[in-house]
């Protein structure tokens, strides 16, 4: 019988965003200063079997769209979640949740 373990959460973002997550106790919080740093750190974390969720900012997710999509399509975990930074949400033409549902379930959901 497999022993159950608590999955881990990681954050890869700008210094300010990371500081908030550190304040609430997220130990795996990494401040990055470039897209290259973010790509490297997310790549490392996505290979870690213990990491179930990686939180990053929308700005980083937009820059690393191809990498994040590759990770999402080839692995069940980690789930990568993009959150707004201090400047607020980035206007989008496509809802990422609706897009994920369309790709995984094959059904397009429209909300009016």
C-alpha atoms as a PDB file:
ATOM      1  CA  UNK A   1       0.000   0.000   0.000  1.00  0.00           C
ATOM      2  CA  UNK A   2       1.346   3.408  -0.980  1.00  0.00           C
ATOM      3  CA  UNK A   3       1.918   5.936   1.726  1.00  0.00           C
ATOM      4  CA  UNK A   4      -0.032   9.157   1.171  1.00  0.00           C
ATOM      5  CA  UNK A   5       2.008  12.331   1.096  1.00  0.00           C
ATOM      6  CA  UNK A   6       1.065  15.974   1.081  1.00  0.00           C
ATOM      7  CA  UNK A   7       1.707  17.408  -2.379  1.00  0.00           C
ATOM      8  CA  UNK A   8       3.720  20.586  -2.521  1.00  0.00           C
ATOM      9  CA  UNK A   9       2.956  24.013  -3.880  1.00  0.00           C
ATOM     10  CA  UNK A  10       5.626  26.145  -5.542  1.00  0.00           C
ATOM     11  CA  UNK A  11       5.628  29.778  -6.636  1.00  0.00           C
ATOM     12  CA  UNK A  12       7.751  31.282  -9.421  1.00  0.00           C
ATOM     13  CA  UNK A  13       7.141  35.007  -9.748  1.00  0.00           C
ATOM     14  CA  UNK A  14       8.447  38.515  -9.213  1.00  0.00           C
ATOM     15  CA  UNK A  15       9.887  39.439  -5.808  1.00  0.00           C
ATOM     16  CA  UNK A  16       6.760  41.169  -4.518  1.00  0.00           C
ATOM     17  CA  UNK A  17       4.428  38.300  -5.397  1.00  0.00           C
ATOM     18  CA  UNK A  18       6.859  35.769  -3.934  1.00  0.00           C
ATOM     19  CA  UNK A  19       7.096  37.752  -0.685  1.00  0.00           C
ATOM     20  CA  UNK A  20       3.310  37.443  -0.169  1.00  0.00           C
ATOM     21  CA  UNK A  21       3.423  33.682  -0.608  1.00  0.00           C
ATOM     22  CA  UNK A  22       6.404  33.408   1.745  1.00  0.00           C
ATOM     23  CA  UNK A  23       4.435  35.365   4.361  1.00  0.00           C
ATOM     24  CA  UNK A  24       1.654  32.769   4.287  1.00  0.00           C
ATOM     25  CA  UNK A  25       4.111  29.904   4.610  1.00  0.00           C
ATOM     26  CA  UNK A  26       4.803  28.695   1.060  1.00  0.00           C
ATOM     27  CA  UNK A  27       8.403  27.566   1.414  1.00  0.00           C
ATOM     28  CA  UNK A  28       9.049  26.818  -2.252  1.00  0.00           C
ATOM     29  CA  UNK A  29       8.693  30.421  -3.426  1.00  0.00           C
ATOM     30  CA  UNK A  30      11.246  31.584  -5.978  1.00  0.00           C
ATOM     31  CA  UNK A  31      11.759  35.159  -7.150  1.00  0.00           C
ATOM     32  CA  UNK A  32      12.920  35.400 -10.751  1.00  0.00           C
ATOM     33  CA  UNK A  33      14.305  38.413 -12.578  1.00  0.00           C
ATOM     34  CA  UNK A  34      14.082  37.257 -16.182  1.00  0.00           C
ATOM     35  CA  UNK A  35      12.055  34.992 -18.430  1.00  0.00           C
ATOM     36  CA  UNK A  36      15.081  32.702 -18.719  1.00  0.00           C
ATOM     37  CA  UNK A  37      15.288  32.349 -14.917  1.00  0.00           C
ATOM     38  CA  UNK A  38      11.565  31.591 -14.782  1.00  0.00           C
ATOM     39  CA  UNK A  39      11.831  28.964 -17.539  1.00  0.00           C
ATOM     40  CA  UNK A  40      14.733  27.251 -15.792  1.00  0.00           C
ATOM     41  CA  UNK A  41      13.023  27.216 -12.385  1.00  0.00           C
ATOM     42  CA  UNK A  42       9.666  26.023 -13.767  1.00  0.00           C
ATOM     43  CA  UNK A  43      11.469  23.302 -15.707  1.00  0.00           C
ATOM     44  CA  UNK A  44      13.200  22.103 -12.538  1.00  0.00           C
ATOM     45  CA  UNK A  45      10.004  22.195 -10.491  1.00  0.00           C
ATOM     46  CA  UNK A  46       7.972  20.397 -13.147  1.00  0.00           C
ATOM     47  CA  UNK A  47      10.402  17.472 -12.895  1.00  0.00           C
ATOM     48  CA  UNK A  48       9.999  17.274  -9.108  1.00  0.00           C
ATOM     49  CA  UNK A  49       7.537  14.452  -8.281  1.00  0.00           C
ATOM     50  CA  UNK A  50       6.507  16.183  -5.034  1.00  0.00           C
ATOM     51  CA  UNK A  51       5.310  19.407  -6.689  1.00  0.00           C
ATOM     52  CA  UNK A  52       1.609  19.263  -7.584  1.00  0.00           C
ATOM     53  CA  UNK A  53       0.958  22.954  -8.300  1.00  0.00           C
ATOM     54  CA  UNK A  54       3.169  25.739  -9.636  1.00  0.00           C
ATOM     55  CA  UNK A  55       1.834  29.272  -9.312  1.00  0.00           C
ATOM     56  CA  UNK A  56       3.263  31.969 -11.549  1.00  0.00           C
ATOM     57  CA  UNK A  57       2.156  35.381 -12.758  1.00  0.00           C
ATOM     58  CA  UNK A  58       0.160  35.940 -15.922  1.00  0.00           C
ATOM     59  CA  UNK A  59       3.045  37.946 -17.349  1.00  0.00           C
ATOM     60  CA  UNK A  60       5.473  35.036 -16.944  1.00  0.00           C
ATOM     61  CA  UNK A  61       2.883  32.541 -18.190  1.00  0.00           C
ATOM     62  CA  UNK A  62       2.303  34.635 -21.296  1.00  0.00           C
ATOM     63  CA  UNK A  63       6.047  34.776 -22.032  1.00  0.00           C
ATOM     64  CA  UNK A  64       6.482  31.037 -21.434  1.00  0.00           C
ATOM     65  CA  UNK A  65       3.253  29.910 -23.104  1.00  0.00           C
ATOM     66  CA  UNK A  66       4.915  27.238 -25.274  1.00  0.00           C
ATOM     67  CA  UNK A  67       6.859  25.725 -22.360  1.00  0.00           C
ATOM     68  CA  UNK A  68       3.849  25.700 -20.042  1.00  0.00           C
ATOM     69  CA  UNK A  69       1.651  24.159 -22.704  1.00  0.00           C
ATOM     70  CA  UNK A  70       4.256  21.446 -23.327  1.00  0.00           C
ATOM     71  CA  UNK A  71       4.364  20.645 -19.607  1.00  0.00           C
ATOM     72  CA  UNK A  72       0.548  20.571 -19.393  1.00  0.00           C
ATOM     73  CA  UNK A  73       0.192  18.294 -22.418  1.00  0.00           C
ATOM     74  CA  UNK A  74       2.832  15.757 -21.386  1.00  0.00           C
ATOM     75  CA  UNK A  75       2.174  15.424 -17.651  1.00  0.00           C
ATOM     76  CA  UNK A  76      -0.774  15.243 -15.322  1.00  0.00           C
ATOM     77  CA  UNK A  77       1.157  17.159 -12.661  1.00  0.00           C
ATOM     78  CA  UNK A  78       2.132  19.815 -11.881  1.00  0.00           C
ATOM     79  CA  UNK A  79      -0.878  21.963 -12.534  1.00  0.00           C
ATOM     80  CA  UNK A  80       0.369  25.413 -13.535  1.00  0.00           C
ATOM     81  CA  UNK A  81      -1.768  28.324 -12.379  1.00  0.00           C
ATOM     82  CA  UNK A  82      -1.273  31.904 -13.581  1.00  0.00           C
ATOM     83  CA  UNK A  83      -2.357  34.715 -11.281  1.00  0.00           C
ATOM     84  CA  UNK A  84      -2.396  38.480 -11.863  1.00  0.00           C
ATOM     85  CA  UNK A  85       0.535  40.504 -10.569  1.00  0.00           C
ATOM     86  CA  UNK A  86       0.230  43.901  -8.857  1.00  0.00           C
ATOM     87  CA  UNK A  87      -0.710  45.542 -12.170  1.00  0.00           C
ATOM     88  CA  UNK A  88      -3.880  43.447 -12.377  1.00  0.00           C
ATOM     89  CA  UNK A  89      -5.134  40.853 -14.833  1.00  0.00           C
ATOM     90  CA  UNK A  90      -4.001  40.831 -18.448  1.00  0.00           C
ATOM     91  CA  UNK A  91      -6.939  41.232 -20.862  1.00  0.00           C
ATOM     92  CA  UNK A  92      -7.431  37.971 -22.760  1.00  0.00           C
ATOM     93  CA  UNK A  93      -9.171  36.965 -25.941  1.00  0.00           C
ATOM     94  CA  UNK A  94      -9.426  33.336 -24.780  1.00  0.00           C
ATOM     95  CA  UNK A  95     -10.457  32.168 -21.319  1.00  0.00           C
ATOM     96  CA  UNK A  96      -7.718  29.744 -20.184  1.00  0.00           C
ATOM     97  CA  UNK A  97     -10.164  27.595 -18.192  1.00  0.00           C
ATOM     98  CA  UNK A  98     -12.570  27.279 -21.136  1.00  0.00           C
ATOM     99  CA  UNK A  99      -9.614  26.449 -23.396  1.00  0.00           C
ATOM    100  CA  UNK A 100      -8.428  23.740 -20.983  1.00  0.00           C
ATOM    101  CA  UNK A 101     -11.918  22.213 -20.859  1.00  0.00           C
ATOM    102  CA  UNK A 102     -12.160  22.272 -24.636  1.00  0.00           C
ATOM    103  CA  UNK A 103      -8.806  20.495 -25.011  1.00  0.00           C
ATOM    104  CA  UNK A 104      -9.392  17.863 -22.326  1.00  0.00           C
ATOM    105  CA  UNK A 105     -13.124  17.160 -22.554  1.00  0.00           C
ATOM    106  CA  UNK A 106     -13.713  18.168 -26.152  1.00  0.00           C
ATOM    107  CA  UNK A 107     -16.602  20.487 -25.306  1.00  0.00           C
ATOM    108  CA  UNK A 108     -16.630  24.231 -25.819  1.00  0.00           C
ATOM    109  CA  UNK A 109     -18.393  26.170 -23.070  1.00  0.00           C
ATOM    110  CA  UNK A 110     -19.597  29.689 -23.797  1.00  0.00           C
ATOM    111  CA  UNK A 111     -20.652  32.057 -21.035  1.00  0.00           C
ATOM    112  CA  UNK A 112     -22.684  35.108 -21.984  1.00  0.00           C
END
